Protein backbone atom coordinates (compact mmCIF):
# COMPACT_ATOMS: atom_id res chain seq x y z
CA MET A 1 26.98 -86.64 -117.17
CA PRO A 2 24.85 -84.75 -119.73
CA LEU A 3 22.95 -87.80 -120.95
CA THR A 4 21.81 -90.97 -119.33
CA ALA A 5 20.75 -93.39 -122.02
CA GLY A 6 17.33 -94.96 -121.88
CA GLN A 7 15.35 -97.10 -124.25
CA GLY A 8 16.46 -96.54 -127.79
CA ALA A 9 19.99 -95.38 -126.92
CA SER A 10 22.98 -97.64 -127.22
CA GLY A 11 25.07 -96.01 -124.52
CA ALA A 12 25.81 -92.92 -122.49
CA ASP A 13 27.97 -91.45 -125.30
CA ALA A 14 25.48 -92.17 -128.08
CA GLY A 15 23.20 -89.41 -129.26
CA ALA A 16 19.55 -90.27 -128.75
CA ASP A 17 17.92 -91.67 -131.87
CA LEU A 18 15.13 -89.17 -132.58
CA ARG A 19 15.02 -89.64 -136.34
CA HIS A 20 11.30 -90.44 -136.13
CA VAL A 21 10.42 -87.11 -134.50
CA ASP A 22 8.88 -84.18 -136.36
CA THR A 23 6.97 -82.53 -133.48
CA TRP A 24 8.88 -81.27 -130.46
CA LEU A 25 6.96 -80.46 -127.27
CA PHE A 26 8.78 -78.60 -124.51
CA ASP A 27 7.63 -77.76 -121.05
CA LEU A 28 8.67 -74.23 -120.12
CA ASP A 29 9.60 -73.60 -116.49
CA ASN A 30 12.61 -75.54 -115.17
CA THR A 31 12.96 -77.26 -118.55
CA LEU A 32 14.18 -74.53 -120.88
CA TYR A 33 16.13 -73.01 -118.00
CA PRO A 34 17.60 -74.60 -114.85
CA LEU A 35 15.79 -74.84 -111.54
CA ASP A 36 18.69 -73.10 -109.83
CA SER A 37 17.82 -69.87 -111.66
CA GLY A 38 15.59 -69.20 -108.65
CA LEU A 39 12.49 -68.26 -110.65
CA ALA A 40 10.46 -71.22 -109.41
CA ALA A 41 11.17 -70.30 -105.79
CA LYS A 42 10.08 -66.71 -106.41
CA MET A 43 6.80 -67.82 -107.98
CA SER A 44 6.17 -70.40 -105.25
CA GLY A 45 6.49 -67.68 -102.63
CA ARG A 46 4.02 -65.55 -104.57
CA ILE A 47 1.56 -68.44 -104.66
CA THR A 48 1.84 -68.84 -100.89
CA ASP A 49 1.22 -65.10 -100.48
CA PHE A 50 -1.90 -65.41 -102.64
CA VAL A 51 -3.27 -68.41 -100.74
CA GLU A 52 -2.52 -66.80 -97.38
CA ARG A 53 -4.39 -63.60 -98.26
CA LEU A 54 -7.27 -65.48 -99.90
CA THR A 55 -7.91 -67.93 -97.08
CA GLY A 56 -6.70 -66.03 -94.04
CA LEU A 57 -4.78 -69.12 -92.96
CA PRO A 58 -1.41 -68.84 -91.23
CA ARG A 59 1.48 -69.09 -93.66
CA PRO A 60 2.46 -72.69 -92.84
CA GLU A 61 -1.13 -73.82 -93.40
CA SER A 62 -1.36 -71.76 -96.58
CA LEU A 63 1.76 -73.46 -97.89
CA ALA A 64 0.35 -76.87 -96.98
CA LEU A 65 -2.88 -76.08 -98.85
CA GLN A 66 -0.89 -74.83 -101.84
CA LYS A 67 1.04 -78.11 -101.99
CA ARG A 68 -2.09 -80.21 -101.45
CA TYR A 69 -3.88 -78.58 -104.37
CA LEU A 70 -0.78 -79.05 -106.50
CA ALA A 71 -0.69 -82.76 -105.67
CA GLU A 72 -4.43 -83.29 -106.09
CA HIS A 73 -5.04 -81.20 -109.20
CA GLY A 74 -1.67 -80.97 -110.94
CA LEU A 75 -1.75 -77.21 -110.43
CA THR A 76 -2.45 -75.11 -107.34
CA LEU A 77 -4.54 -72.76 -109.47
CA LYS A 78 -6.92 -75.57 -110.41
CA GLY A 79 -7.65 -76.28 -106.75
CA LEU A 80 -8.14 -72.58 -106.04
CA MET A 81 -10.54 -72.24 -108.96
CA GLU A 82 -12.62 -75.26 -107.96
CA ASN A 83 -12.70 -74.64 -104.23
CA HIS A 84 -12.46 -70.86 -103.91
CA GLY A 85 -13.71 -69.45 -107.23
CA VAL A 86 -10.39 -67.77 -107.98
CA ASP A 87 -10.11 -65.73 -111.19
CA PRO A 88 -7.16 -67.22 -113.10
CA ASP A 89 -6.22 -63.90 -114.69
CA ALA A 90 -5.93 -62.21 -111.29
CA TYR A 91 -3.96 -65.16 -109.97
CA HIS A 92 -1.50 -65.16 -112.87
CA ALA A 93 -1.06 -61.39 -112.77
CA GLU A 94 0.09 -61.65 -109.14
CA VAL A 95 2.02 -64.92 -109.16
CA HIS A 96 4.01 -64.16 -112.30
CA ASP A 97 4.85 -60.59 -111.35
CA VAL A 98 8.47 -61.46 -110.59
CA PRO A 99 11.74 -60.24 -112.11
CA LEU A 100 13.30 -62.45 -114.75
CA ASP A 101 16.83 -61.11 -114.44
CA GLY A 102 18.06 -64.47 -113.12
CA LEU A 103 17.19 -66.32 -116.30
CA PRO A 104 20.23 -67.24 -118.37
CA THR A 105 20.49 -66.89 -122.11
CA ASP A 106 22.08 -69.93 -123.68
CA ALA A 107 23.43 -69.67 -127.22
CA ASN A 108 24.09 -73.41 -127.30
CA LEU A 109 20.47 -74.16 -126.46
CA ALA A 110 19.23 -71.73 -129.09
CA SER A 111 21.41 -73.39 -131.72
CA ALA A 112 20.33 -76.87 -130.63
CA LEU A 113 16.65 -75.94 -130.83
CA ALA A 114 17.10 -74.32 -134.23
CA ARG A 115 18.41 -77.55 -135.75
CA LEU A 116 15.32 -79.56 -134.83
CA PRO A 117 13.30 -80.52 -137.91
CA GLY A 118 9.55 -79.94 -137.85
CA ARG A 119 7.40 -78.08 -135.33
CA ARG A 120 8.54 -76.83 -131.94
CA LEU A 121 5.77 -76.16 -129.41
CA ILE A 122 5.65 -75.04 -125.80
CA PHE A 123 3.33 -77.14 -123.61
CA THR A 124 3.02 -75.37 -120.26
CA ASN A 125 0.76 -75.19 -117.22
CA ALA A 126 1.51 -71.46 -117.04
CA ASP A 127 -0.45 -68.78 -118.89
CA ALA A 128 0.35 -67.19 -122.24
CA ALA A 129 1.71 -63.94 -120.79
CA HIS A 130 4.21 -65.72 -118.54
CA ALA A 131 5.33 -67.98 -121.37
CA GLY A 132 5.90 -64.98 -123.60
CA ARG A 133 7.92 -63.14 -120.97
CA VAL A 134 10.10 -66.15 -120.18
CA LEU A 135 10.77 -67.06 -123.81
CA SER A 136 11.72 -63.46 -124.57
CA ALA A 137 14.04 -63.31 -121.56
CA LEU A 138 15.70 -66.53 -122.67
CA GLY A 139 16.06 -65.26 -126.24
CA LEU A 140 14.09 -68.24 -127.57
CA ALA A 141 10.75 -66.70 -128.58
CA ASP A 142 11.42 -66.90 -132.31
CA LEU A 143 12.26 -70.62 -132.16
CA PHE A 144 8.78 -71.87 -131.29
CA ASP A 145 5.75 -72.15 -133.53
CA ASP A 146 3.16 -71.79 -130.78
CA VAL A 147 2.52 -71.88 -127.04
CA PHE A 148 -0.10 -74.27 -125.70
CA HIS A 149 -0.81 -72.79 -122.28
CA ILE A 150 -3.18 -73.53 -119.41
CA GLY A 151 -5.95 -71.47 -121.00
CA SER A 152 -5.56 -73.44 -124.23
CA ALA A 153 -6.26 -76.57 -122.18
CA ASP A 154 -9.34 -74.98 -120.59
CA PHE A 155 -7.47 -75.06 -117.28
CA ASN A 156 -6.89 -78.80 -117.34
CA PRO A 157 -3.22 -79.01 -116.35
CA LYS A 158 -0.65 -81.66 -117.10
CA PRO A 159 -0.64 -84.52 -116.22
CA SER A 160 -4.40 -84.59 -116.91
CA PRO A 161 -5.09 -86.72 -120.00
CA THR A 162 -7.46 -83.93 -121.09
CA ALA A 163 -4.53 -81.55 -121.48
CA PHE A 164 -2.85 -83.99 -123.84
CA THR A 165 -6.07 -84.65 -125.76
CA ARG A 166 -6.51 -80.92 -126.29
CA ILE A 167 -2.98 -80.21 -127.52
CA ILE A 168 -3.14 -83.20 -129.86
CA ALA A 169 -6.42 -81.94 -131.31
CA ALA A 170 -5.31 -78.32 -131.50
CA HIS A 171 -2.13 -79.08 -133.43
CA GLY A 172 -2.94 -82.32 -135.24
CA ILE A 173 -0.19 -84.13 -133.36
CA ASP A 174 0.79 -87.71 -134.08
CA PRO A 175 2.14 -89.01 -130.74
CA ALA A 176 4.29 -91.60 -132.54
CA THR A 177 6.38 -88.83 -134.13
CA THR A 178 6.44 -86.53 -131.10
CA ALA A 179 9.07 -86.00 -128.41
CA PHE A 180 8.11 -84.41 -125.10
CA PHE A 181 10.66 -82.76 -122.79
CA GLU A 182 9.71 -82.21 -119.15
CA ASP A 183 11.30 -81.59 -115.76
CA ALA A 184 8.34 -83.11 -113.86
CA GLU A 185 8.56 -86.88 -114.14
CA HIS A 186 4.86 -87.54 -113.53
CA ASN A 187 3.91 -85.32 -116.48
CA LEU A 188 5.68 -87.75 -118.81
CA ALA A 189 3.48 -90.73 -117.89
CA PRO A 190 0.45 -89.77 -120.03
CA ALA A 191 2.74 -88.78 -122.90
CA ALA A 192 4.36 -92.21 -122.85
CA ALA A 193 0.97 -93.91 -122.68
CA LEU A 194 0.01 -92.09 -125.88
CA GLY A 195 3.19 -93.25 -127.62
CA MET A 196 5.29 -90.10 -127.39
CA THR A 197 9.03 -90.26 -126.85
CA THR A 198 9.70 -88.95 -123.35
CA ILE A 199 12.74 -87.04 -122.10
CA LEU A 200 13.19 -86.04 -118.45
CA VAL A 201 15.23 -82.86 -118.01
CA GLY A 202 16.96 -81.60 -114.90
CA ALA A 203 19.77 -82.02 -112.42
CA ASP A 204 18.14 -85.10 -110.86
CA ALA A 205 16.95 -86.69 -114.09
CA ALA A 206 19.61 -89.40 -114.12
CA ALA A 207 18.26 -90.83 -110.86
CA ALA A 208 14.75 -91.35 -112.26
CA LYS A 209 13.72 -94.99 -112.55
CA ALA A 210 10.20 -94.67 -113.99
CA PRO A 211 9.75 -97.04 -116.96
CA PHE A 212 7.85 -94.42 -118.91
CA VAL A 213 10.94 -92.16 -119.07
CA GLN A 214 12.91 -93.10 -122.17
CA PHE A 215 15.76 -90.56 -121.97
CA ARG A 216 17.20 -88.50 -119.15
CA THR A 217 19.45 -85.45 -119.34
CA ASP A 218 20.81 -82.74 -117.08
CA ASN A 219 21.88 -80.65 -120.09
CA LEU A 220 19.16 -80.02 -122.64
CA ALA A 221 21.39 -78.17 -125.10
CA ASP A 222 23.93 -80.99 -125.16
CA PHE A 223 21.23 -83.65 -125.49
CA LEU A 224 19.62 -81.90 -128.46
CA SER A 225 22.96 -81.11 -130.10
CA ARG A 226 23.99 -84.76 -130.11
CA ALA A 227 20.62 -86.29 -130.96
CA ARG A 228 20.25 -88.08 -134.28
CA LEU A 229 17.57 -86.26 -136.24
CA LYS A 230 15.43 -86.78 -139.31
CA GLU A 231 17.14 -85.49 -142.42
CA ILE A 232 15.22 -82.84 -144.32
CA PRO A 233 15.64 -83.11 -148.11
CA ALA A 234 17.28 -80.13 -149.72
CA PRO A 235 14.85 -77.96 -151.73
C-alpha cells in the first residue's frame, strides 16, 4: 500500500491534501532512496570502525557506544565531538567514503519532485559533501534549491529544536505552509509541534502510530504524484 492516510486525508486512495504547502523539506538518507539500498549499513559499519579505532574498545562495545551516542544526541558524531573532541570533517571524510553504486535512480520520483510548487530543500544530519554526492547519484541535484546540512545547524542534529530554529531562520520558513518528509519518526515530532505537515517515509511507515505523524507512505514518488497541490497561476 503506497499511502496510509492520516489526518487531512479522506481515505487510502485519496491524494494527500497539500494545497497549503509552498516549502518542501526532505530528509536525505533513507528518505529519497530506500533503506534496502544498503548505503546506511555501509556507513554504519564505517562509524563503528571509527569509534573502535578512536576509543580502542572491542568492536561490540564500540557499536554499543555508537548507538548510545545516537540515542542521546540524535547523531553519533555529536557525542564524539562532545566527549572525544572529534573533528567533524575528519569523521565525515571517513564515514562517507563508501561507494554509491547501490543507489537507484528513479524517474518517477524526479518527476514527482519537479511538480511541487515552491521551494524544495534538503534537511539532513549529514554534511554538505555527502548530500551533494548522494543527490548527484540519484539524479536529483538540480531539483533542490538548497541543502541545510549538519554544519548549517552548527552541529545541532535533528530532532534538536535548535536544528529546526536554524533552518527556519536561514530560509524564512513559515511552518504552517511547510511539509517535512522523514524516515525517522522521532525527527517529525518537533516539526509537528511547530505546525509543519509531517510525512513518514519508509517500508515500515504504515505501522507508525505516533499522533504527530500526519501521513505515512512506503512510496515517496507515488505519494507526491497523487498529492493535491497548490495551483500556480499562469504567467
